Amino acid sequence: MTRIAVLLLLLGPGAGASDEGALKMAQCDRKMEITLLSDTRFAPTTTDLSQAQSEDLLRQINALTGKRKECAIAIMEDHQKAILEACELHHCGDQVAGGCSQLATGISDAVIARALVDCKGK
């Protein structure tokens, strides 16, 4: 018996496609995470920032100009490309409206903070 079948058996009657879909998505998330942790373009979220800290990061990134802005944009785009490629590799967007492009659009505080640090001397 497969793990999904065992899980559905344990969940009992009423467990169905949505439970199986959630399990597949969790497995896919884990595969993507493993892939992304070896990709230097990816900036994993390490800590949750307060609302004020997050707003300060946005203020700083939006104030960039010239080479520093170009550098920050490149870092953020590379991060998104890493997520898109990992998603496509593992087909994690197959059951998501918008597919992998939808999953790769977000920019976390960690990515913004990395861009600010990496582009400081530009």
Protein backbone atom coordinates (compact mmCIF):
# COMPACT_ATOMS: atom_id res chain seq x y z
CA MET A 1 0.00 0.00 0.00
CA THR A 2 1.36 3.43 -0.88
CA ARG A 3 1.96 6.12 1.74
CA ILE A 4 -0.87 8.17 0.25
CA ALA A 5 -3.23 5.22 0.49
CA VAL A 6 -2.17 4.62 4.10
CA LEU A 7 -2.67 8.29 4.90
CA LEU A 8 -6.13 8.29 3.31
CA LEU A 9 -6.98 5.11 5.22
CA LEU A 10 -5.91 6.74 8.50
CA LEU A 11 -7.87 9.89 7.71
CA GLY A 12 -10.97 7.84 7.15
CA PRO A 13 -14.03 8.39 4.98
CA GLY A 14 -14.30 11.89 3.62
CA ALA A 15 -10.58 12.18 3.02
CA GLY A 16 -10.12 12.68 -0.64
CA ALA A 17 -8.44 14.49 -3.44
CA SER A 18 -7.82 17.65 -1.43
CA ASP A 19 -5.93 15.67 1.24
CA GLU A 20 -3.91 13.88 -1.42
CA GLY A 21 -3.22 17.22 -3.11
CA ALA A 22 -2.04 18.74 0.17
CA LEU A 23 0.30 15.81 0.73
CA LYS A 24 1.72 16.12 -2.80
CA MET A 25 2.23 19.87 -2.32
CA ALA A 26 4.03 19.30 0.99
CA GLN A 27 6.31 16.74 -0.66
CA CYS A 28 6.95 19.13 -3.53
CA ASP A 29 7.72 21.98 -1.12
CA ARG A 30 10.32 19.78 0.57
CA LYS A 31 11.95 18.87 -2.77
CA MET A 32 12.07 22.54 -3.76
CA GLU A 33 13.56 23.47 -0.39
CA ILE A 34 16.37 20.93 -0.82
CA THR A 35 17.07 22.18 -4.35
CA LEU A 36 16.99 25.84 -3.32
CA LEU A 37 19.30 25.42 -0.34
CA SER A 38 22.08 24.52 -2.76
CA ASP A 39 21.34 27.49 -5.06
CA THR A 40 23.38 30.59 -4.22
CA ARG A 41 20.74 32.84 -5.80
CA PHE A 42 18.18 31.83 -3.17
CA ALA A 43 17.89 33.82 0.07
CA PRO A 44 16.12 31.67 2.66
CA THR A 45 13.99 33.39 5.25
CA THR A 46 15.83 33.10 8.55
CA THR A 47 13.90 35.35 10.92
CA ASP A 48 10.58 37.11 11.03
CA LEU A 49 10.86 40.86 11.21
CA SER A 50 8.48 43.23 12.89
CA GLN A 51 6.21 45.35 10.73
CA ALA A 52 8.42 48.38 11.42
CA GLN A 53 11.59 46.51 10.42
CA SER A 54 9.95 45.25 7.24
CA GLU A 55 8.78 48.75 6.34
CA ASP A 56 12.30 50.08 6.98
CA LEU A 57 13.75 47.52 4.56
CA LEU A 58 11.21 48.56 1.92
CA ARG A 59 12.04 52.23 2.47
CA GLN A 60 15.74 51.49 2.04
CA ILE A 61 15.35 49.38 -1.09
CA ASN A 62 12.99 51.90 -2.68
CA ALA A 63 15.48 54.70 -2.02
CA LEU A 64 18.29 53.04 -3.99
CA THR A 65 19.47 54.64 -7.20
CA GLY A 66 22.00 53.98 -9.94
CA LYS A 67 24.32 50.98 -9.69
CA ARG A 68 23.06 50.04 -6.21
CA LYS A 69 19.48 49.85 -7.52
CA GLU A 70 20.56 47.81 -10.55
CA CYS A 71 22.47 45.45 -8.25
CA ALA A 72 19.51 45.02 -5.89
CA ILE A 73 17.08 44.39 -8.74
CA ALA A 74 19.43 41.75 -10.17
CA ILE A 75 19.67 39.96 -6.80
CA MET A 76 15.90 39.96 -6.35
CA GLU A 77 15.30 38.75 -9.91
CA ASP A 78 17.91 35.99 -9.50
CA HIS A 79 16.13 34.87 -6.31
CA GLN A 80 12.83 34.67 -8.20
CA LYS A 81 14.48 32.77 -11.07
CA ALA A 82 15.90 30.24 -8.59
CA ILE A 83 12.43 29.62 -7.16
CA LEU A 84 10.87 29.39 -10.64
CA GLU A 85 13.49 26.87 -11.82
CA ALA A 86 13.18 24.70 -8.69
CA CYS A 87 9.40 24.78 -8.99
CA GLU A 88 9.50 23.77 -12.65
CA LEU A 89 12.06 21.05 -11.94
CA HIS A 90 9.76 19.41 -9.39
CA HIS A 91 6.44 20.38 -11.08
CA CYS A 92 5.27 22.12 -7.92
CA GLY A 93 3.10 24.60 -9.80
CA ASP A 94 1.10 22.01 -11.71
CA GLN A 95 -1.87 22.31 -9.33
CA VAL A 96 -1.55 26.04 -8.62
CA ALA A 97 -3.44 28.73 -10.48
CA GLY A 98 -0.70 30.68 -12.25
CA GLY A 99 1.71 27.76 -11.93
CA CYS A 100 5.31 28.22 -10.91
CA SER A 101 5.26 31.85 -12.00
CA GLN A 102 2.73 32.52 -9.24
CA LEU A 103 4.94 30.82 -6.65
CA ALA A 104 8.03 32.77 -7.71
CA THR A 105 6.61 36.30 -7.63
CA GLY A 106 7.02 37.09 -3.94
CA ILE A 107 10.01 38.87 -2.45
CA SER A 108 10.65 38.24 1.23
CA ASP A 109 12.31 40.52 3.74
CA ALA A 110 15.33 38.19 3.63
CA VAL A 111 15.80 38.82 -0.10
CA ILE A 112 15.54 42.58 0.35
CA ALA A 113 17.99 42.50 3.28
CA ARG A 114 20.43 40.42 1.23
CA ALA A 115 20.18 42.83 -1.70
CA LEU A 116 20.86 45.79 0.59
CA VAL A 117 23.93 44.14 2.12
CA ASP A 118 25.35 42.72 -1.12
CA CYS A 119 24.90 46.00 -3.00
CA LYS A 120 26.13 48.32 -0.25
CA GLY A 121 29.47 49.12 -1.87
CA LYS A 122 28.16 49.61 -5.40
